[in-house]
Amino acid sequence: EVQLVESGGGWVQPGGSLRLSCATSGFTFSSYNMMWVRQAPGKGLEWVSIINSDGGGRTYADSVKGRFTISRDNAKNTLYLQLNNLKPEDTAMYYCKQTSSSSRGQGTQVTVSS
């Protein structure tokens, strides 16, 4: 059974930083492209960033480019998202998922406000 457990969210002031983690199990993590998506209150799901299975290729949504960094540790079966220079519009529930599947974890809440 695929399991995805996100953590690391919280409340920060604008300009602050957070590091999200996604611990995975139940599949061969190193064989899958992974991604982060987010959902703001009252809005649809938005993709944030994608990373190749070996970490060699990364893409970002324009809204987060230059501020967020996706990474992975295949030895630890864990996906990360470093969030810097956070803005109020980054407030959302953040989820990790395989790019080839719609399944996602319970998410971790990020709230950016002063």
Protein backbone atom coordinates (compact mmCIF):
# COMPACT_ATOMS: atom_id res chain seq x y z
CA GLU A 1 0.00 0.00 0.00
CA VAL A 2 1.33 3.37 -1.02
CA GLN A 3 1.74 5.72 1.93
CA LEU A 4 2.63 9.40 1.75
CA VAL A 5 3.04 11.38 4.98
CA GLU A 6 3.63 15.11 4.68
CA SER A 7 5.01 17.22 7.52
CA GLY A 8 6.76 20.50 8.23
CA GLY A 9 3.97 22.97 7.63
CA GLY A 10 3.04 25.76 10.00
CA TRP A 11 2.41 29.44 10.36
CA VAL A 12 5.01 31.95 9.20
CA GLN A 13 5.14 35.65 8.52
CA PRO A 14 5.61 36.91 4.96
CA GLY A 15 9.22 36.48 3.92
CA GLY A 16 9.66 33.47 6.17
CA SER A 17 10.76 29.95 5.31
CA LEU A 18 9.60 26.40 5.86
CA ARG A 19 10.84 22.97 4.84
CA LEU A 20 8.24 20.39 3.99
CA SER A 21 8.94 16.66 4.04
CA CYS A 22 7.09 13.72 2.56
CA ALA A 23 7.94 10.31 3.96
CA THR A 24 6.95 7.52 1.62
CA SER A 25 6.54 3.76 1.78
CA GLY A 26 4.85 0.93 -0.08
CA PHE A 27 6.52 1.52 -3.43
CA THR A 28 9.99 1.82 -4.95
CA PHE A 29 10.45 5.54 -4.35
CA SER A 30 13.58 5.83 -6.50
CA SER A 31 11.65 4.65 -9.57
CA TYR A 32 9.01 7.37 -9.51
CA ASN A 33 8.85 10.98 -10.55
CA MET A 34 7.31 12.91 -7.67
CA MET A 35 5.60 16.23 -7.23
CA TRP A 36 4.17 18.70 -4.78
CA VAL A 37 0.72 20.15 -5.25
CA ARG A 38 -1.26 22.58 -3.13
CA GLN A 39 -4.82 23.61 -2.56
CA ALA A 40 -5.75 26.99 -1.20
CA PRO A 41 -9.08 27.51 0.60
CA GLY A 42 -11.91 27.55 -1.91
CA LYS A 43 -9.62 26.87 -4.88
CA GLY A 44 -8.65 23.89 -7.01
CA LEU A 45 -5.52 21.82 -6.89
CA GLU A 46 -2.40 23.58 -8.21
CA TRP A 47 0.82 21.84 -9.13
CA VAL A 48 3.86 23.40 -7.51
CA SER A 49 6.94 21.43 -8.51
CA ILE A 50 8.03 18.15 -10.11
CA ILE A 51 11.25 16.19 -9.70
CA ASN A 52 12.54 13.27 -11.76
CA SER A 53 13.09 9.89 -10.17
CA ASP A 54 16.85 10.44 -9.91
CA GLY A 55 16.57 14.09 -8.90
CA GLY A 56 18.21 15.24 -12.10
CA GLY A 57 15.31 17.24 -13.47
CA ARG A 58 13.12 19.74 -11.67
CA THR A 59 10.34 22.06 -12.80
CA TYR A 60 8.44 24.75 -10.96
CA ALA A 61 5.22 26.66 -11.37
CA ASP A 62 5.84 30.29 -12.30
CA SER A 63 4.23 31.36 -9.03
CA VAL A 64 6.98 29.70 -6.95
CA LYS A 65 9.99 29.77 -9.26
CA GLY A 66 13.05 31.21 -7.55
CA ARG A 67 11.51 30.82 -4.08
CA PHE A 68 10.83 27.08 -3.69
CA THR A 69 13.26 24.20 -4.14
CA ILE A 70 12.23 20.57 -4.55
CA SER A 71 14.61 17.77 -3.65
CA ARG A 72 14.60 14.12 -2.74
CA ASP A 73 16.65 11.57 -0.82
CA ASN A 74 16.14 8.20 -2.46
CA ALA A 75 18.06 6.44 0.32
CA LYS A 76 15.51 7.74 2.82
CA ASN A 77 12.45 7.46 0.51
CA THR A 78 11.70 11.08 1.28
CA LEU A 79 10.67 14.08 -0.81
CA TYR A 80 11.31 17.66 0.31
CA LEU A 81 10.15 21.16 -0.55
CA GLN A 82 12.07 24.18 0.71
CA LEU A 83 9.85 27.24 0.80
CA ASN A 84 11.61 30.60 1.00
CA ASN A 85 10.36 34.19 0.83
CA LEU A 86 6.84 33.01 1.55
CA LYS A 87 3.89 35.16 0.53
CA PRO A 88 0.30 35.22 1.81
CA GLU A 89 -0.81 33.69 -1.49
CA ASP A 90 1.27 30.61 -0.68
CA THR A 91 -1.21 29.76 2.07
CA ALA A 92 -2.57 26.31 1.24
CA MET A 93 -2.58 22.66 2.12
CA TYR A 94 0.47 21.06 0.53
CA TYR A 95 0.50 17.48 -0.69
CA CYS A 96 3.09 15.18 -2.23
CA LYS A 97 2.25 12.57 -4.84
CA GLN A 98 3.60 10.43 -7.60
CA THR A 99 3.19 12.21 -10.93
CA SER A 100 1.51 9.09 -12.34
CA SER A 101 -1.11 8.77 -9.62
CA SER A 102 -3.90 10.87 -8.17
CA SER A 103 -3.36 9.49 -4.66
CA ARG A 104 -1.91 11.86 -2.09
CA GLY A 105 -1.30 12.01 1.63
CA GLN A 106 -3.19 13.93 4.28
CA GLY A 107 -1.25 17.08 3.52
CA THR A 108 0.48 19.68 5.65
CA GLN A 109 -0.94 23.17 6.16
CA VAL A 110 1.13 26.24 5.34
CA THR A 111 -0.22 29.58 6.54
CA VAL A 112 1.51 32.83 5.68
CA SER A 113 0.24 35.94 7.41
CA SER A 114 1.35 38.83 9.53
